[in-house]
Amino acid sequence: MDPSMVMAFGLVFCISCLILISTWRKSIGRIKLLPGPVPLPVIGNILQLDTKNIPKSLCMLAKVYGPVFTLYLGTEPILVLHGFEVMKEALTDHGEEFAGRGSFPIIDAINKGLGLAFSNGERWKQMRHFSLTTLKNFGMGKRSIEERVQEEAKCMVEALKTTHGMPFDPKFILGCAPCNVICSIIFHKRFEYDDEKFLHLMELLDEKVKILSSPWTQVYNFFPTLVQYLPGSHRKLFKNCQMLHNFILEKVKEHQETLDPNNPQDLIDSFFIKMEQEKEKPQSEFTMENLVYTVSDIFGAGTTTTSTTLRYGLLLLLKYPEITDKIHEEIDRVIGQNRSPCLKDRNSMPYTDAVIHEIQRYIDLVPANLTHSVTRDTKFRQYLIPKGTTIIPLLTSVLYDDEEFPNPDRFDPGHFLDESGNFKKSDYFMPFSTGKRICVGEGLARMELFLFFTTILQNFTLKSPIDPKDIDTTPVASGFGKIPPSFKICFLPSQHM
């Protein structure tokens, strides 16, 4: 190579390193009073993290640096919150200040700050208020959401009956049911389980969760400016998300042609009505782009979280048949076999309720939560947190608190039962997060989990093709979310009466 070229390359390299080190030193100075491991230039603390299980790494660091500490992902400082007290203080007591959505580079590249889950400021407030109101008021004098869930539970049971008690992987059917509930709310439509378009949608959502939970995504989030130009699974994610958005846009255009402003059928119709009401308003957040991304957020979150919880829950019930037997006894006593389970049954079924809570606590579905950020310079405890600082509220540190939940690594419904066998609430139960960013679909998800689990167990006896003692419940991924291992199950006609 020409000597002048070598010198030029060396000069560019040195200048780049100086810029990166300067950026690193400035970022360190922003919240230098906070404890935390010493970061390396450019790469930060990445070498101290296990990219296959970052939440576990963060819990280990909290033992050294305390409940509030700083971590550097690349050159950016991240504030980590560990434990119930600090989580409550930040997300609830200082809820307004901690209500921002923090940086999540791979999602930011897709959503561009639009929609519900990853937006901020006035846009987020309006999308959240609209979504909450629409979910609460859904039905418009016709069928309630509970009735829709009950109907879908029956469809799911019929689909499970076609397996004739043979071992099979329940992943697809358990995904179809919650997906159809969301589809009925958003699109005023449910799909048959063999519908090709529906099958494709389920595949897109499944692959999206797998990629987001992979170590490669963690690497992307550490170094987005570099990794975005490299080949990798992020490119597949971007392509899949575009396909999902195209499907939603197709449905949106269909709704435009059939809209009756006096008789909205679903969330899309309601959004169009809001768009019309605000058409004269400058810079209205009710735009076609926000509609597509809001629908995508609700569709994805409402399908994958509930279906994964159902799947993981059945795996745990296979492993602990004595727990499953107690649920069967409670179903026989409270509901019987002559009617469908309904939501009001939950108050009379403390053991079943405790098991469902324990499933959610134990699987710790989104251990590091979705990132938050502070909306303004905030004094928190003895620290000054600069506006825009990304926050990781470590939900796993609350759900696995060993004082609130003795032996937290053990699956035990007793964590939610008192000495008399009554259901025992816990402030530490926050799988849906807490504060102003708490999941908008919490009520729907809790309803679905109760009705789907009870309807399945009312109709079937569960049997594992392998010895329950040999069942491994360790997640196969623990990135953005935890993914249960694949397994097979036999749904035998109910034999517990």
Protein backbone atom coordinates (compact mmCIF):
# COMPACT_ATOMS: atom_id res chain seq x y z
CA MET A 1 0.00 0.00 0.00
CA ASP A 2 1.22 3.52 -0.77
CA PRO A 3 2.94 5.10 2.31
CA SER A 4 0.76 8.20 2.02
CA MET A 5 -2.35 5.99 2.08
CA VAL A 6 -1.07 4.23 5.19
CA MET A 7 -0.46 7.59 6.88
CA ALA A 8 -3.91 8.85 5.88
CA PHE A 9 -5.57 5.70 7.16
CA GLY A 10 -3.61 5.92 10.41
CA LEU A 11 -4.57 9.57 10.85
CA VAL A 12 -8.29 8.82 10.31
CA PHE A 13 -8.08 5.91 12.73
CA CYS A 14 -6.40 8.03 15.43
CA ILE A 15 -8.89 10.89 15.00
CA SER A 16 -11.81 8.41 15.21
CA CYS A 17 -10.39 6.92 18.41
CA LEU A 18 -9.92 10.39 19.92
CA ILE A 19 -13.52 11.34 19.08
CA LEU A 20 -14.85 8.10 20.60
CA ILE A 21 -12.72 8.51 23.74
CA SER A 22 -13.80 12.15 24.05
CA THR A 23 -17.46 11.11 23.75
CA TRP A 24 -16.89 8.38 26.32
CA ARG A 25 -15.28 10.75 28.80
CA LYS A 26 -18.08 13.31 28.39
CA SER A 27 -20.75 10.67 28.94
CA ILE A 28 -18.95 9.40 32.05
CA GLY A 29 -19.02 12.92 33.46
CA ARG A 30 -22.78 13.18 33.05
CA ILE A 31 -23.64 10.96 36.01
CA LYS A 32 -20.21 10.36 37.51
CA LEU A 33 -21.55 10.41 41.07
CA LEU A 34 -23.45 7.15 40.53
CA PRO A 35 -21.74 3.87 41.49
CA GLY A 36 -21.04 1.26 38.86
CA PRO A 37 -18.33 -0.79 37.18
CA VAL A 38 -15.56 1.14 35.43
CA PRO A 39 -16.26 1.14 31.68
CA LEU A 40 -13.71 0.69 28.93
CA PRO A 41 -13.47 3.29 26.16
CA VAL A 42 -15.90 2.74 23.30
CA ILE A 43 -17.20 -0.69 24.41
CA GLY A 44 -18.26 0.35 27.93
CA ASN A 45 -19.12 -2.58 30.22
CA ILE A 46 -20.04 -5.13 27.56
CA LEU A 47 -17.29 -7.53 28.66
CA GLN A 48 -18.89 -7.74 32.12
CA LEU A 49 -22.22 -8.88 30.71
CA ASP A 50 -23.43 -12.24 29.49
CA THR A 51 -25.25 -11.34 26.26
CA LYS A 52 -27.23 -14.60 26.57
CA ASN A 53 -28.64 -13.54 29.95
CA ILE A 54 -28.16 -9.82 30.59
CA PRO A 55 -30.76 -9.62 33.43
CA LYS A 56 -28.78 -12.18 35.44
CA SER A 57 -25.58 -10.18 34.86
CA LEU A 58 -27.30 -7.01 36.09
CA CYS A 59 -28.49 -8.76 39.25
CA MET A 60 -24.92 -9.86 39.95
CA LEU A 61 -23.66 -6.29 39.50
CA ALA A 62 -26.37 -4.99 41.87
CA LYS A 63 -24.90 -7.17 44.63
CA VAL A 64 -21.67 -5.21 44.26
CA TYR A 65 -22.88 -1.69 43.46
CA GLY A 66 -26.27 -1.50 45.16
CA PRO A 67 -29.86 -0.92 43.98
CA VAL A 68 -29.03 2.10 41.78
CA PHE A 69 -25.98 1.92 39.56
CA THR A 70 -24.67 3.03 36.17
CA LEU A 71 -23.72 0.74 33.35
CA TYR A 72 -22.25 1.72 29.99
CA LEU A 73 -23.52 0.04 26.85
CA GLY A 74 -21.02 1.37 24.37
CA THR A 75 -20.56 5.02 25.22
CA GLU A 76 -24.07 5.55 26.60
CA PRO A 77 -24.73 5.48 30.36
CA ILE A 78 -27.67 3.36 31.50
CA LEU A 79 -29.17 3.65 34.98
CA VAL A 80 -30.18 0.27 36.44
CA LEU A 81 -32.85 0.00 39.16
CA HIS A 82 -32.75 -3.17 41.27
CA GLY A 83 -35.34 -4.16 43.88
CA PHE A 84 -38.88 -3.27 44.89
CA GLU A 85 -38.19 -0.17 46.98
CA VAL A 86 -36.17 1.66 44.35
CA MET A 87 -38.55 0.55 41.58
CA LYS A 88 -41.59 1.89 43.46
CA GLU A 89 -39.79 5.11 44.31
CA ALA A 90 -38.78 5.73 40.69
CA LEU A 91 -41.72 4.46 38.63
CA THR A 92 -44.55 5.33 41.03
CA ASP A 93 -43.45 8.09 43.41
CA HIS A 94 -41.49 9.85 40.64
CA GLY A 95 -43.76 8.48 37.93
CA GLU A 96 -43.89 11.59 35.75
CA GLU A 97 -40.10 12.01 35.68
CA PHE A 98 -39.46 8.33 34.86
CA ALA A 99 -42.28 7.99 32.30
CA GLY A 100 -40.12 8.41 29.21
CA ARG A 101 -39.36 5.49 26.93
CA GLY A 102 -35.66 4.78 26.84
CA SER A 103 -33.51 3.94 23.86
CA PHE A 104 -33.96 0.47 22.36
CA PRO A 105 -31.97 0.89 19.14
CA ILE A 106 -33.22 -2.12 17.17
CA ILE A 107 -36.86 -1.17 17.83
CA ASP A 108 -36.16 2.54 17.32
CA ALA A 109 -34.90 1.66 13.84
CA ILE A 110 -38.30 0.05 13.10
CA ASN A 111 -40.80 2.29 14.90
CA LYS A 112 -39.03 5.65 14.47
CA GLY A 113 -40.66 6.93 17.66
CA LEU A 114 -44.18 6.26 16.38
CA GLY A 115 -47.03 4.23 17.85
CA LEU A 116 -47.72 3.41 21.49
CA ALA A 117 -45.02 1.30 23.12
CA PHE A 118 -41.89 3.17 22.05
CA SER A 119 -43.12 6.75 21.65
CA ASN A 120 -42.59 9.67 24.01
CA GLY A 121 -44.04 12.98 25.11
CA GLU A 122 -47.40 14.20 23.83
CA ARG A 123 -47.57 11.48 21.17
CA TRP A 124 -47.26 8.73 23.79
CA LYS A 125 -49.81 10.38 26.10
CA GLN A 126 -52.40 10.64 23.33
CA MET A 127 -51.82 7.14 21.95
CA ARG A 128 -51.95 5.65 25.45
CA HIS A 129 -55.15 7.50 26.40
CA PHE A 130 -56.81 6.48 23.15
CA SER A 131 -55.75 2.82 23.51
CA LEU A 132 -56.87 2.58 27.13
CA THR A 133 -60.21 4.22 26.41
CA THR A 134 -60.86 2.03 23.38
CA LEU A 135 -59.98 -1.19 25.22
CA LYS A 136 -62.19 -0.23 28.19
CA ASN A 137 -65.14 0.82 26.08
CA PHE A 138 -64.81 -1.92 23.52
CA GLY A 139 -67.99 -3.65 22.49
CA MET A 140 -69.97 -0.51 21.73
CA GLY A 141 -73.12 -1.99 23.23
CA LYS A 142 -72.65 -5.34 21.50
CA ARG A 143 -70.49 -8.20 22.79
CA SER A 144 -68.12 -7.69 25.68
CA ILE A 145 -64.45 -8.61 25.53
CA GLU A 146 -65.10 -11.38 28.06
CA GLU A 147 -67.59 -13.02 25.72
CA ARG A 148 -65.08 -12.84 22.89
CA VAL A 149 -62.43 -14.51 25.03
CA GLN A 150 -64.90 -17.23 26.07
CA GLU A 151 -65.79 -17.91 22.44
CA GLU A 152 -62.13 -18.11 21.46
CA ALA A 153 -61.46 -20.46 24.39
CA LYS A 154 -64.12 -22.81 22.98
CA CYS A 155 -62.50 -22.65 19.52
CA MET A 156 -59.14 -23.45 21.09
CA VAL A 157 -60.62 -26.48 22.89
CA GLU A 158 -62.12 -27.76 19.63
CA ALA A 159 -58.73 -27.41 17.95
CA LEU A 160 -57.04 -29.29 20.81
CA LYS A 161 -59.61 -32.09 20.53
CA THR A 162 -58.44 -32.79 16.97
CA THR A 163 -55.12 -34.01 18.36
CA HIS A 164 -56.99 -37.04 19.82
CA GLY A 165 -54.75 -37.19 22.87
CA MET A 166 -51.59 -37.74 20.83
CA PRO A 167 -48.34 -35.95 21.77
CA PHE A 168 -47.93 -32.66 19.92
CA ASP A 169 -46.33 -29.22 20.26
CA PRO A 170 -49.10 -26.83 21.45
CA LYS A 171 -47.23 -23.68 20.45
CA PHE A 172 -49.29 -22.81 17.38
CA ILE A 173 -52.78 -23.34 18.85
CA LEU A 174 -51.86 -21.50 22.07
CA GLY A 175 -50.72 -18.60 19.90
CA CYS A 176 -53.85 -18.55 17.75
CA ALA A 177 -56.28 -18.00 20.62
CA PRO A 178 -54.88 -14.73 22.08
CA CYS A 179 -54.02 -13.52 18.57
CA ASN A 180 -57.67 -13.91 17.54
CA VAL A 181 -58.86 -11.98 20.60
CA ILE A 182 -56.60 -9.08 19.60
CA CYS A 183 -57.69 -9.40 15.97
CA SER A 184 -61.34 -9.10 17.01
CA ILE A 185 -60.56 -5.90 18.95
CA ILE A 186 -58.40 -4.32 16.25
CA PHE A 187 -59.81 -5.70 12.98
CA HIS A 188 -63.32 -6.87 14.04
CA LYS A 189 -62.33 -10.26 12.66
CA ARG A 190 -61.11 -13.63 13.81
CA PHE A 191 -59.29 -16.17 11.65
CA GLU A 192 -59.70 -19.90 11.34
CA TYR A 193 -56.66 -21.73 12.66
CA ASP A 194 -55.86 -23.13 9.20
CA ASP A 195 -56.11 -19.77 7.41
CA GLU A 196 -52.89 -19.30 5.39
CA LYS A 197 -52.65 -15.57 6.08
CA PHE A 198 -53.16 -16.23 9.79
CA LEU A 199 -50.44 -18.91 9.74
CA HIS A 200 -48.07 -16.41 8.12
CA LEU A 201 -48.86 -13.77 10.74
CA MET A 202 -48.13 -16.20 13.54
CA GLU A 203 -44.80 -17.12 11.94
CA LEU A 204 -43.83 -13.43 11.66
CA LEU A 205 -44.64 -12.76 15.32
CA ASP A 206 -42.82 -15.88 16.50
CA GLU A 207 -39.70 -15.04 14.54
CA LYS A 208 -39.81 -11.44 15.79
CA VAL A 209 -39.73 -12.56 19.43
CA LYS A 210 -36.93 -15.07 18.74
CA ILE A 211 -34.74 -12.42 17.10
CA LEU A 212 -35.42 -9.80 19.77
CA SER A 213 -34.43 -12.31 22.47
CA SER A 214 -31.23 -13.40 20.72
CA PRO A 215 -27.67 -12.39 21.74
CA TRP A 216 -27.26 -10.74 18.33
CA THR A 217 -29.96 -8.21 19.21
CA GLN A 218 -28.09 -7.32 22.40
CA VAL A 219 -24.96 -6.71 20.30
CA TYR A 220 -27.01 -4.54 17.91
CA ASN A 221 -28.32 -2.49 20.84
CA PHE A 222 -24.78 -1.95 22.14
CA PHE A 223 -23.34 -0.81 18.79
CA PRO A 224 -26.24 0.16 16.49
CA THR A 225 -24.27 2.59 14.31
CA LEU A 226 -21.87 -0.20 13.36
CA VAL A 227 -24.02 -3.35 13.38
CA GLN A 228 -26.85 -1.88 11.29
CA TYR A 229 -24.56 -2.09 8.23
CA LEU A 230 -23.54 -5.70 8.87
CA PRO A 231 -25.39 -8.85 7.77
CA GLY A 232 -27.31 -10.54 10.57
CA SER A 233 -30.72 -11.48 11.94
CA HIS A 234 -31.65 -7.80 12.41
CA ARG A 235 -32.18 -7.61 8.65
CA LYS A 236 -34.67 -10.47 8.86
CA LEU A 237 -36.42 -8.66 11.72
CA PHE A 238 -36.74 -5.45 9.69
CA LYS A 239 -38.14 -7.39 6.73
CA ASN A 240 -40.67 -9.25 8.90
CA CYS A 241 -41.85 -6.06 10.58
CA GLN A 242 -42.37 -4.45 7.17
CA MET A 243 -44.48 -7.43 6.10
CA LEU A 244 -46.56 -7.11 9.27
CA HIS A 245 -47.05 -3.39 8.65
CA ASN A 246 -48.12 -4.11 5.07
CA PHE A 247 -50.76 -6.52 6.37
CA ILE A 248 -52.04 -3.91 8.84
CA LEU A 249 -52.08 -1.22 6.15
CA GLU A 250 -54.15 -3.52 3.94
CA LYS A 251 -56.69 -3.92 6.76
CA VAL A 252 -56.66 -0.18 7.43
CA LYS A 253 -57.55 0.56 3.79
CA GLU A 254 -60.41 -1.95 3.95
CA HIS A 255 -61.71 -0.12 7.01
CA GLN A 256 -61.58 3.21 5.20
CA GLU A 257 -64.02 1.88 2.62
CA THR A 258 -66.51 0.42 5.13
CA LEU A 259 -66.32 2.97 7.96
CA ASP A 260 -69.62 4.00 9.56
CA PRO A 261 -68.78 6.92 11.90
CA ASN A 262 -71.97 6.27 13.87
CA ASN A 263 -71.20 2.61 14.39
CA PRO A 264 -67.48 1.93 14.96
CA GLN A 265 -66.71 -1.78 14.92
CA ASP A 266 -63.18 -1.89 16.32
CA LEU A 267 -60.04 0.03 17.27
CA ILE A 268 -59.21 1.00 13.68
CA ASP A 269 -62.68 2.49 13.16
CA SER A 270 -62.33 4.40 16.44
CA PHE A 271 -58.94 5.75 15.33
CA PHE A 272 -60.38 6.95 12.01
CA ILE A 273 -63.15 8.79 13.85
CA LYS A 274 -60.50 10.46 16.02
CA MET A 275 -58.54 11.40 12.89
CA GLU A 276 -61.62 13.08 11.45
CA GLN A 277 -62.25 14.96 14.70
CA GLU A 278 -58.71 16.30 14.69
CA LYS A 279 -58.27 16.93 10.96
CA GLU A 280 -58.18 20.71 11.50
CA LYS A 281 -55.78 20.43 14.41
CA PRO A 282 -52.20 21.29 13.45
CA GLN A 283 -49.69 18.55 14.18
CA SER A 284 -52.35 16.07 15.32
CA GLU A 285 -50.90 12.76 16.51
CA PHE A 286 -53.80 10.88 14.93
CA THR A 287 -52.15 10.14 11.61
CA MET A 288 -52.10 7.13 9.32
CA GLU A 289 -48.51 6.35 10.34
CA ASN A 290 -49.35 6.42 14.04
CA LEU A 291 -52.37 4.21 13.38
CA VAL A 292 -50.26 1.51 11.71
CA TYR A 293 -47.58 1.53 14.41
CA THR A 294 -50.08 1.66 17.29
CA VAL A 295 -51.98 -1.30 15.85
CA SER A 296 -48.69 -3.14 15.34
CA ASP A 297 -47.65 -2.52 18.97
CA ILE A 298 -50.97 -3.73 20.41
CA PHE A 299 -51.17 -6.65 18.00
CA GLY A 300 -47.66 -7.91 18.76
CA ALA A 301 -47.66 -7.34 22.51
CA GLY A 302 -51.18 -8.68 22.99
CA THR A 303 -50.42 -11.88 21.13
CA THR A 304 -46.89 -12.94 22.05
CA THR A 305 -46.89 -12.22 25.80
CA THR A 306 -50.13 -14.07 26.50
CA SER A 307 -49.36 -17.01 24.21
CA THR A 308 -45.87 -17.45 25.69
CA THR A 309 -47.31 -17.35 29.22
CA LEU A 310 -49.90 -20.00 28.28
CA ARG A 311 -47.23 -22.22 26.75
CA TYR A 312 -44.82 -21.82 29.64
CA GLY A 313 -47.68 -22.33 32.10
CA LEU A 314 -48.69 -25.66 30.55
CA LEU A 315 -45.07 -26.83 30.66
CA LEU A 316 -44.99 -26.08 34.41
CA LEU A 317 -48.33 -27.83 34.96
CA LEU A 318 -46.90 -30.90 33.21
CA LYS A 319 -43.88 -30.86 35.48
CA TYR A 320 -45.96 -30.49 38.64
CA PRO A 321 -49.02 -32.77 38.16
CA GLU A 322 -49.95 -32.49 41.86
CA ILE A 323 -50.58 -28.77 41.30
CA THR A 324 -52.64 -29.50 38.20
CA ASP A 325 -54.76 -31.99 40.18
CA LYS A 326 -55.61 -29.30 42.75
CA ILE A 327 -56.75 -26.95 39.97
CA HIS A 328 -58.96 -29.73 38.57
CA GLU A 329 -60.55 -30.18 42.00
CA GLU A 330 -61.27 -26.47 42.27
CA ILE A 331 -62.76 -26.34 38.76
CA ASP A 332 -65.02 -29.32 39.57
CA ARG A 333 -66.19 -27.69 42.79
CA VAL A 334 -66.76 -24.14 41.50
CA ILE A 335 -67.58 -24.46 37.79
CA GLY A 336 -68.39 -28.09 37.04
CA GLN A 337 -68.77 -29.39 33.49
CA ASN A 338 -72.08 -27.85 32.42
CA ARG A 339 -71.06 -24.26 31.75
CA SER A 340 -68.08 -22.28 30.55
CA PRO A 341 -65.74 -20.58 33.03
CA CYS A 342 -66.36 -16.86 33.49
CA LEU A 343 -64.31 -14.10 35.04
CA LYS A 344 -66.37 -13.86 38.23
CA ASP A 345 -65.34 -17.47 39.03
CA ARG A 346 -61.86 -16.18 39.80
CA ASN A 347 -62.98 -14.81 43.18
CA SER A 348 -64.08 -18.32 44.20
CA MET A 349 -60.95 -20.03 42.93
CA PRO A 350 -58.01 -18.82 45.06
CA TYR A 351 -55.75 -21.77 44.26
CA THR A 352 -56.14 -21.44 40.48
CA ASP A 353 -55.63 -17.69 40.78
CA ALA A 354 -52.48 -18.27 42.85
CA VAL A 355 -51.11 -20.75 40.28
CA ILE A 356 -51.61 -18.29 37.41
CA HIS A 357 -49.90 -15.54 39.41
CA GLU A 358 -47.05 -17.89 40.25
CA ILE A 359 -46.65 -18.85 36.59
CA GLN A 360 -46.26 -15.17 35.69
CA ARG A 361 -43.86 -14.54 38.57
CA TYR A 362 -41.78 -17.64 37.96
CA ILE A 363 -41.36 -17.33 34.17
CA ASP A 364 -40.36 -13.65 34.58
CA LEU A 365 -41.32 -13.04 30.95
CA VAL A 366 -39.67 -9.64 30.34
CA PRO A 367 -36.96 -9.63 33.03
CA ALA A 368 -35.36 -6.28 32.20
CA ASN A 369 -38.66 -4.56 31.37
CA LEU A 370 -38.84 -2.13 28.49
CA THR A 371 -36.35 0.67 29.01
CA HIS A 372 -37.54 3.96 30.52
CA SER A 373 -35.91 7.38 30.44
CA VAL A 374 -36.16 10.48 32.62
CA THR A 375 -38.19 13.26 31.02
CA ARG A 376 -36.25 16.05 32.74
CA ASP A 377 -33.22 16.54 35.00
CA THR A 378 -34.27 14.63 38.10
CA LYS A 379 -32.93 14.42 41.61
CA PHE A 380 -33.31 10.81 42.69
CA ARG A 381 -32.10 9.83 46.13
CA GLN A 382 -28.74 11.60 46.38
CA TYR A 383 -28.12 11.57 42.62
CA LEU A 384 -28.87 14.02 39.82
CA ILE A 385 -30.08 12.11 36.76
CA PRO A 386 -29.74 14.12 33.52
CA LYS A 387 -32.76 14.40 31.22
CA GLY A 388 -32.86 11.63 28.62
CA THR A 389 -30.86 9.09 30.64
CA THR A 390 -31.98 5.55 29.77
CA ILE A 391 -33.33 3.53 32.71
CA ILE A 392 -33.52 -0.26 33.08
CA PRO A 393 -36.10 -1.16 35.77
CA LEU A 394 -35.07 -4.75 36.52
CA LEU A 395 -38.39 -6.53 37.02
CA THR A 396 -36.67 -9.83 37.74
CA SER A 397 -35.23 -8.32 40.94
CA VAL A 398 -38.79 -7.77 42.23
CA LEU A 399 -40.41 -10.98 41.01
CA TYR A 400 -37.54 -12.98 42.50
CA ASP A 401 -37.24 -11.07 45.77
CA ASP A 402 -36.35 -13.77 48.32
CA GLU A 403 -38.00 -12.02 51.27
CA GLU A 404 -41.36 -11.52 49.58
CA PHE A 405 -41.18 -14.89 47.81
CA PRO A 406 -39.18 -17.39 49.92
CA ASN A 407 -37.21 -19.78 47.70
CA PRO A 408 -38.01 -17.71 44.58
CA ASP A 409 -36.32 -20.22 42.26
CA ARG A 410 -38.94 -22.78 43.24
CA PHE A 411 -42.32 -22.89 41.49
CA ASP A 412 -44.73 -22.61 44.42
CA PRO A 413 -48.34 -21.31 44.28
CA GLY A 414 -48.02 -20.85 48.06
CA HIS A 415 -46.26 -17.58 47.28
CA PHE A 416 -49.76 -16.18 46.65
CA LEU A 417 -51.75 -18.01 49.36
CA ASP A 418 -52.15 -17.23 53.05
CA GLU A 419 -52.24 -19.82 55.83
CA SER A 420 -55.98 -20.35 55.31
CA GLY A 421 -55.63 -21.02 51.60
CA ASN A 422 -57.03 -17.64 50.57
CA PHE A 423 -55.49 -15.70 47.71
CA LYS A 424 -52.82 -13.29 48.93
CA LYS A 425 -52.05 -10.16 46.91
CA SER A 426 -48.50 -8.89 46.64
CA ASP A 427 -47.25 -5.43 45.68
CA TYR A 428 -44.18 -7.24 44.32
CA PHE A 429 -46.27 -8.86 41.59
CA MET A 430 -45.42 -6.62 38.65
CA PRO A 431 -44.98 -8.70 35.48
CA PHE A 432 -46.85 -5.90 33.67
CA SER A 433 -44.43 -3.30 35.13
CA THR A 434 -45.76 -0.44 37.28
CA GLY A 435 -46.27 3.31 37.17
CA LYS A 436 -47.34 5.37 34.18
CA ARG A 437 -45.88 2.93 31.66
CA ILE A 438 -47.70 -0.11 33.03
CA CYS A 439 -48.98 -2.36 30.24
CA VAL A 440 -52.23 -1.01 28.74
CA GLY A 441 -53.44 -4.56 28.14
CA GLU A 442 -52.98 -5.82 31.70
CA GLY A 443 -56.71 -6.28 32.35
CA LEU A 444 -57.26 -8.12 29.07
CA ALA A 445 -54.20 -10.35 29.59
CA ARG A 446 -55.24 -11.32 33.12
CA MET A 447 -58.74 -12.15 31.88
CA GLU A 448 -57.39 -14.26 29.00
CA LEU A 449 -54.98 -16.21 31.17
CA PHE A 450 -57.68 -17.13 33.68
CA LEU A 451 -60.30 -18.08 31.06
CA PHE A 452 -57.90 -19.95 28.76
CA PHE A 453 -56.23 -21.95 31.55
CA THR A 454 -59.51 -22.86 33.27
CA THR A 455 -61.24 -23.78 29.99
CA ILE A 456 -58.35 -26.05 28.98
CA LEU A 457 -58.25 -27.77 32.37
CA GLN A 458 -62.03 -28.08 32.51
CA ASN A 459 -61.96 -30.06 29.27
CA PHE A 460 -58.68 -31.96 29.41
CA THR A 461 -56.35 -33.95 31.58
CA LEU A 462 -52.76 -33.06 30.74
CA LYS A 463 -50.22 -35.81 30.18
CA SER A 464 -46.52 -35.59 29.41
CA PRO A 465 -44.92 -38.08 26.99
CA ILE A 466 -41.86 -38.08 29.30
CA ASP A 467 -41.53 -38.43 33.06
CA PRO A 468 -42.43 -35.09 34.74
CA LYS A 469 -39.16 -35.27 36.69
CA ASP A 470 -37.26 -35.12 33.39
CA ILE A 471 -39.02 -32.00 32.13
CA ASP A 472 -36.63 -29.06 31.83
CA THR A 473 -38.29 -25.65 32.25
CA THR A 474 -35.11 -23.61 31.66
CA PRO A 475 -35.76 -20.91 29.04
CA VAL A 476 -33.90 -21.31 25.75
CA ALA A 477 -33.40 -17.53 25.53
CA SER A 478 -33.35 -14.75 28.12
CA GLY A 479 -32.83 -11.56 26.14
CA PHE A 480 -35.68 -9.13 25.50
CA GLY A 481 -38.03 -11.86 26.69
CA LYS A 482 -37.78 -15.40 27.98
CA ILE A 483 -38.65 -18.18 25.57
CA PRO A 484 -39.65 -21.60 26.94
CA PRO A 485 -38.15 -24.78 25.50
CA SER A 486 -40.16 -26.73 22.95
CA PHE A 487 -42.15 -29.61 24.38
CA LYS A 488 -44.93 -32.04 23.53
CA ILE A 489 -48.12 -32.61 25.49
CA CYS A 490 -51.14 -34.92 25.35
CA PHE A 491 -54.60 -33.40 25.86
CA LEU A 492 -56.73 -36.30 27.08
CA PRO A 493 -60.51 -36.00 27.44
CA SER A 494 -61.41 -34.78 30.92
CA GLN A 495 -61.13 -37.60 33.50
CA HIS A 496 -61.16 -35.63 36.74
CA MET A 497 -64.88 -35.59 37.50
